[in-house]
Amino acid sequence: MTALTIITDSRGVIRVSTNNYDYRNMRRGRDTMKRIAVMTLIMAVVFCIYAIAVYGADNSAKEKAAEDAAKAWLAVVDGGSYAQSWKEAAKIFKDNITESKWEEALKAVRAPLGKMISRKLKSKTYTTTIPGGPDGEYMIIQFTTSFEKKKSAVETVTPTLDKDGKWRVSGYFIN
């Protein structure tokens, strides 16, 4: 006697078979597709984790180097060595303002604030473009700063990665 088997596949197609051979083959095909889908998913997850680890490590190293450069430069400014801060600034900075003009500007802005009391990191953002500047690698860093005569100010320091591979300040603003 011949057995009649009714088979419904994953798409809802109904087939009639006179033996179990068709059903077994169809089931093997579905199992193989499931295995391929699972393996593809696992590979995608592994790749994403790897990419995040590599990018994150590289980006955090850049962020730390830029932040360290900004803090070191701010220490020079805090010490009143305005000419030295110009000398330690990025090439793009020095191309846009002379040392004497920079000293005048800082004396007019920083001196009335008094000594720096505290400074806390507020935010930092990596970007490759800034308004009015050439494309490059920049870190826009904001600090909440307290001075003797101004209790709350926001300093924005923008280090850029110079051609020699060192982070140097290319912009400074106090609000």
C-alpha atoms as a PDB file:
ATOM      1  CA  MET A   1       0.000   0.000   0.000  1.00  0.00           C
ATOM      2  CA  THR A   2       1.185   3.447  -0.870  1.00  0.00           C
ATOM      3  CA  ALA A   3       0.988   6.140   1.762  1.00  0.00           C
ATOM      4  CA  LEU A   4      -0.199   9.565   0.762  1.00  0.00           C
ATOM      5  CA  THR A   5       1.479  12.464   2.548  1.00  0.00           C
ATOM      6  CA  ILE A   6       0.274  16.039   2.447  1.00  0.00           C
ATOM      7  CA  ILE A   7       3.142  18.496   2.948  1.00  0.00           C
ATOM      8  CA  THR A   8       2.876  22.202   3.647  1.00  0.00           C
ATOM      9  CA  ASP A   9       6.175  24.051   3.231  1.00  0.00           C
ATOM     10  CA  SER A  10       7.205  27.325   4.930  1.00  0.00           C
ATOM     11  CA  ARG A  11       5.510  29.396   2.209  1.00  0.00           C
ATOM     12  CA  GLY A  12       2.193  27.666   2.705  1.00  0.00           C
ATOM     13  CA  VAL A  13       2.416  25.604  -0.484  1.00  0.00           C
ATOM     14  CA  ILE A  14       0.611  22.273  -0.162  1.00  0.00           C
ATOM     15  CA  ARG A  15       2.167  19.296  -1.861  1.00  0.00           C
ATOM     16  CA  VAL A  16       1.032  15.719  -2.015  1.00  0.00           C
ATOM     17  CA  SER A  17       3.643  13.006  -1.960  1.00  0.00           C
ATOM     18  CA  THR A  18       3.437   9.269  -2.222  1.00  0.00           C
ATOM     19  CA  ASN A  19       6.515   8.692  -0.065  1.00  0.00           C
ATOM     20  CA  ASN A  20       8.362  10.322   2.765  1.00  0.00           C
ATOM     21  CA  TYR A  21      11.399  11.085   0.613  1.00  0.00           C
ATOM     22  CA  ASP A  22      10.080  14.518  -0.510  1.00  0.00           C
ATOM     23  CA  TYR A  23       9.233  15.509   3.053  1.00  0.00           C
ATOM     24  CA  ARG A  24      12.683  14.584   4.344  1.00  0.00           C
ATOM     25  CA  ASN A  25      14.418  16.511   1.569  1.00  0.00           C
ATOM     26  CA  MET A  26      12.247  19.548   2.134  1.00  0.00           C
ATOM     27  CA  ARG A  27      12.952  19.428   5.868  1.00  0.00           C
ATOM     28  CA  ARG A  28      16.700  19.099   5.263  1.00  0.00           C
ATOM     29  CA  GLY A  29      16.552  22.165   3.022  1.00  0.00           C
ATOM     30  CA  ARG A  30      14.802  24.203   5.720  1.00  0.00           C
ATOM     31  CA  ASP A  31      17.306  23.067   8.338  1.00  0.00           C
ATOM     32  CA  THR A  32      20.206  24.038   6.068  1.00  0.00           C
ATOM     33  CA  MET A  33      18.703  27.481   5.473  1.00  0.00           C
ATOM     34  CA  LYS A  34      18.253  27.952   9.211  1.00  0.00           C
ATOM     35  CA  ARG A  35      21.893  27.033   9.812  1.00  0.00           C
ATOM     36  CA  ILE A  36      23.053  29.467   7.137  1.00  0.00           C
ATOM     37  CA  ALA A  37      20.889  32.247   8.587  1.00  0.00           C
ATOM     38  CA  VAL A  38      22.190  31.625  12.122  1.00  0.00           C
ATOM     39  CA  MET A  39      25.831  31.548  10.949  1.00  0.00           C
ATOM     40  CA  THR A  40      25.341  34.764   8.982  1.00  0.00           C
ATOM     41  CA  LEU A  41      23.825  36.440  12.026  1.00  0.00           C
ATOM     42  CA  ILE A  42      26.679  35.278  14.259  1.00  0.00           C
ATOM     43  CA  MET A  43      29.273  36.555  11.773  1.00  0.00           C
ATOM     44  CA  ALA A  44      27.511  39.932  11.545  1.00  0.00           C
ATOM     45  CA  VAL A  45      27.450  40.286  15.347  1.00  0.00           C
ATOM     46  CA  VAL A  46      31.142  39.348  15.629  1.00  0.00           C
ATOM     47  CA  PHE A  47      32.048  41.858  12.914  1.00  0.00           C
ATOM     48  CA  CYS A  48      30.046  44.629  14.637  1.00  0.00           C
ATOM     49  CA  ILE A  49      31.703  43.937  17.986  1.00  0.00           C
ATOM     50  CA  TYR A  50      35.128  43.988  16.341  1.00  0.00           C
ATOM     51  CA  ALA A  51      34.398  47.252  14.502  1.00  0.00           C
ATOM     52  CA  ILE A  52      33.134  48.929  17.673  1.00  0.00           C
ATOM     53  CA  ALA A  53      36.183  47.763  19.635  1.00  0.00           C
ATOM     54  CA  VAL A  54      38.640  48.995  16.987  1.00  0.00           C
ATOM     55  CA  TYR A  55      36.857  52.303  16.372  1.00  0.00           C
ATOM     56  CA  GLY A  56      36.203  52.891  20.043  1.00  0.00           C
ATOM     57  CA  ALA A  57      39.819  52.289  21.035  1.00  0.00           C
ATOM     58  CA  ASP A  58      41.121  54.542  18.270  1.00  0.00           C
ATOM     59  CA  ASN A  59      38.579  57.258  18.996  1.00  0.00           C
ATOM     60  CA  SER A  60      39.129  57.225  22.752  1.00  0.00           C
ATOM     61  CA  ALA A  61      42.904  57.514  22.237  1.00  0.00           C
ATOM     62  CA  LYS A  62      42.313  60.544  20.013  1.00  0.00           C
ATOM     63  CA  GLU A  63      39.903  62.048  22.524  1.00  0.00           C
ATOM     64  CA  LYS A  64      42.383  61.614  25.370  1.00  0.00           C
ATOM     65  CA  ALA A  65      45.274  63.083  23.382  1.00  0.00           C
ATOM     66  CA  ALA A  66      43.169  66.081  22.309  1.00  0.00           C
ATOM     67  CA  GLU A  67      41.850  66.647  25.841  1.00  0.00           C
ATOM     68  CA  ASP A  68      45.361  66.403  27.293  1.00  0.00           C
ATOM     69  CA  ALA A  69      46.619  68.946  24.742  1.00  0.00           C
ATOM     70  CA  ALA A  70      43.748  71.310  25.571  1.00  0.00           C
ATOM     71  CA  LYS A  71      44.360  71.040  29.325  1.00  0.00           C
ATOM     72  CA  ALA A  72      48.114  71.609  28.945  1.00  0.00           C
ATOM     73  CA  TRP A  73      47.480  74.651  26.736  1.00  0.00           C
ATOM     74  CA  LEU A  74      44.911  76.034  29.177  1.00  0.00           C
ATOM     75  CA  ALA A  75      47.458  75.665  31.991  1.00  0.00           C
ATOM     76  CA  VAL A  76      49.810  77.919  30.032  1.00  0.00           C
ATOM     77  CA  VAL A  77      47.007  80.473  29.549  1.00  0.00           C
ATOM     78  CA  ASP A  78      46.004  80.198  33.228  1.00  0.00           C
ATOM     79  CA  GLY A  79      49.598  80.984  34.150  1.00  0.00           C
ATOM     80  CA  GLY A  80      49.428  84.228  32.166  1.00  0.00           C
ATOM     81  CA  SER A  81      51.966  83.091  29.555  1.00  0.00           C
ATOM     82  CA  TYR A  82      49.911  84.366  26.636  1.00  0.00           C
ATOM     83  CA  ALA A  83      52.832  84.592  24.192  1.00  0.00           C
ATOM     84  CA  GLN A  84      53.787  81.017  25.029  1.00  0.00           C
ATOM     85  CA  SER A  85      50.193  79.870  24.435  1.00  0.00           C
ATOM     86  CA  TRP A  86      50.400  81.374  20.926  1.00  0.00           C
ATOM     87  CA  LYS A  87      53.702  79.552  20.292  1.00  0.00           C
ATOM     88  CA  GLU A  88      52.167  76.233  21.382  1.00  0.00           C
ATOM     89  CA  ALA A  89      49.021  76.693  19.280  1.00  0.00           C
ATOM     90  CA  ALA A  90      48.248  74.969  15.961  1.00  0.00           C
ATOM     91  CA  LYS A  91      49.577  76.312  12.682  1.00  0.00           C
ATOM     92  CA  ILE A  92      46.079  77.307  11.541  1.00  0.00           C
ATOM     93  CA  PHE A  93      45.729  79.377  14.747  1.00  0.00           C
ATOM     94  CA  LYS A  94      49.047  81.168  14.211  1.00  0.00           C
ATOM     95  CA  ASP A  95      48.218  81.792  10.546  1.00  0.00           C
ATOM     96  CA  ASN A  96      45.083  83.705  11.586  1.00  0.00           C
ATOM     97  CA  ILE A  97      46.358  85.920  14.420  1.00  0.00           C
ATOM     98  CA  THR A  98      49.740  87.408  15.250  1.00  0.00           C
ATOM     99  CA  GLU A  99      51.379  86.763  18.584  1.00  0.00           C
ATOM    100  CA  SER A 100      50.987  90.401  19.673  1.00  0.00           C
ATOM    101  CA  LYS A 101      47.282  90.528  18.718  1.00  0.00           C
ATOM    102  CA  TRP A 102      46.713  87.276  20.611  1.00  0.00           C
ATOM    103  CA  GLU A 103      48.395  88.662  23.733  1.00  0.00           C
ATOM    104  CA  GLU A 104      46.258  91.820  23.534  1.00  0.00           C
ATOM    105  CA  ALA A 105      43.066  89.794  23.103  1.00  0.00           C
ATOM    106  CA  LEU A 106      43.793  87.512  26.059  1.00  0.00           C
ATOM    107  CA  LYS A 107      44.785  90.397  28.313  1.00  0.00           C
ATOM    108  CA  ALA A 108      41.474  92.079  27.484  1.00  0.00           C
ATOM    109  CA  VAL A 109      39.394  88.935  28.064  1.00  0.00           C
ATOM    110  CA  ARG A 110      41.175  86.816  30.694  1.00  0.00           C
ATOM    111  CA  ALA A 111      42.718  89.402  33.022  1.00  0.00           C
ATOM    112  CA  PRO A 112      39.336  90.847  34.144  1.00  0.00           C
ATOM    113  CA  LEU A 113      38.161  87.330  35.117  1.00  0.00           C
ATOM    114  CA  GLY A 114      40.916  86.832  37.680  1.00  0.00           C
ATOM    115  CA  LYS A 115      42.539  83.503  38.494  1.00  0.00           C
ATOM    116  CA  MET A 116      40.957  80.242  37.454  1.00  0.00           C
ATOM    117  CA  ILE A 117      39.372  78.529  40.471  1.00  0.00           C
ATOM    118  CA  SER A 118      38.015  75.305  38.947  1.00  0.00           C
ATOM    119  CA  ARG A 119      37.482  73.708  35.575  1.00  0.00           C
ATOM    120  CA  LYS A 120      35.290  70.723  34.776  1.00  0.00           C
ATOM    121  CA  LEU A 121      34.860  68.923  31.458  1.00  0.00           C
ATOM    122  CA  LYS A 122      31.409  69.631  30.083  1.00  0.00           C
ATOM    123  CA  SER A 123      31.515  67.987  26.642  1.00  0.00           C
ATOM    124  CA  LYS A 124      33.752  66.913  23.798  1.00  0.00           C
ATOM    125  CA  THR A 125      32.881  66.248  20.196  1.00  0.00           C
ATOM    126  CA  TYR A 126      35.077  64.867  17.429  1.00  0.00           C
ATOM    127  CA  THR A 127      34.539  66.380  13.988  1.00  0.00           C
ATOM    128  CA  THR A 128      36.316  66.697  10.655  1.00  0.00           C
ATOM    129  CA  THR A 129      34.844  70.087   9.738  1.00  0.00           C
ATOM    130  CA  ILE A 130      34.520  73.404  11.524  1.00  0.00           C
ATOM    131  CA  PRO A 131      32.967  76.653  10.320  1.00  0.00           C
ATOM    132  CA  GLY A 132      35.526  78.834   8.579  1.00  0.00           C
ATOM    133  CA  GLY A 133      38.304  76.261   8.821  1.00  0.00           C
ATOM    134  CA  PRO A 134      39.780  73.628   6.529  1.00  0.00           C
ATOM    135  CA  ASP A 135      38.758  69.998   6.799  1.00  0.00           C
ATOM    136  CA  GLY A 136      40.826  68.092   9.318  1.00  0.00           C
ATOM    137  CA  GLU A 137      40.564  66.337  12.653  1.00  0.00           C
ATOM    138  CA  TYR A 138      39.146  68.507  15.437  1.00  0.00           C
ATOM    139  CA  MET A 139      37.925  67.949  18.968  1.00  0.00           C
ATOM    140  CA  ILE A 140      35.550  70.606  20.240  1.00  0.00           C
ATOM    141  CA  ILE A 141      35.927  70.559  24.026  1.00  0.00           C
ATOM    142  CA  GLN A 142      33.862  72.582  26.446  1.00  0.00           C
ATOM    143  CA  PHE A 143      34.731  73.195  30.083  1.00  0.00           C
ATOM    144  CA  THR A 144      32.600  74.732  32.799  1.00  0.00           C
ATOM    145  CA  THR A 145      35.053  77.069  34.490  1.00  0.00           C
ATOM    146  CA  SER A 146      34.936  79.212  37.576  1.00  0.00           C
ATOM    147  CA  PHE A 147      37.140  82.304  37.878  1.00  0.00           C
ATOM    148  CA  GLU A 148      37.714  84.675  40.804  1.00  0.00           C
ATOM    149  CA  LYS A 149      35.493  87.344  39.273  1.00  0.00           C
ATOM    150  CA  LYS A 150      33.184  85.181  37.171  1.00  0.00           C
ATOM    151  CA  LYS A 151      31.685  82.212  38.956  1.00  0.00           C
ATOM    152  CA  SER A 152      30.444  80.356  35.888  1.00  0.00           C
ATOM    153  CA  ALA A 153      31.831  80.509  32.375  1.00  0.00           C
ATOM    154  CA  VAL A 154      32.041  78.073  29.479  1.00  0.00           C
ATOM    155  CA  GLU A 155      35.416  77.768  27.790  1.00  0.00           C
ATOM    156  CA  THR A 156      35.456  76.178  24.350  1.00  0.00           C
ATOM    157  CA  VAL A 157      38.839  74.862  23.275  1.00  0.00           C
ATOM    158  CA  THR A 158      39.288  73.307  19.853  1.00  0.00           C
ATOM    159  CA  PRO A 159      42.429  71.211  19.396  1.00  0.00           C
ATOM    160  CA  THR A 160      43.266  70.026  15.896  1.00  0.00           C
ATOM    161  CA  LEU A 161      45.588  67.272  14.762  1.00  0.00           C
ATOM    162  CA  ASP A 162      48.515  69.109  13.150  1.00  0.00           C
ATOM    163  CA  LYS A 163      50.484  67.678  10.241  1.00  0.00           C
ATOM    164  CA  ASP A 164      53.189  66.409  12.605  1.00  0.00           C
ATOM    165  CA  GLY A 165      50.613  64.206  14.366  1.00  0.00           C
ATOM    166  CA  LYS A 166      50.339  66.317  17.532  1.00  0.00           C
ATOM    167  CA  TRP A 167      47.125  67.802  18.866  1.00  0.00           C
ATOM    168  CA  ARG A 168      47.343  71.585  19.217  1.00  0.00           C
ATOM    169  CA  VAL A 169      44.767  74.245  20.010  1.00  0.00           C
ATOM    170  CA  SER A 170      43.259  75.955  16.979  1.00  0.00           C
ATOM    171  CA  GLY A 171      40.511  77.923  18.720  1.00  0.00           C
ATOM    172  CA  TYR A 172      39.559  79.323  22.108  1.00  0.00           C
ATOM    173  CA  PHE A 173      36.396  81.087  23.276  1.00  0.00           C
ATOM    174  CA  ILE A 174      34.961  82.109  26.637  1.00  0.00           C
ATOM    175  CA  ASN A 175      31.234  82.617  27.144  1.00  0.00           C
END
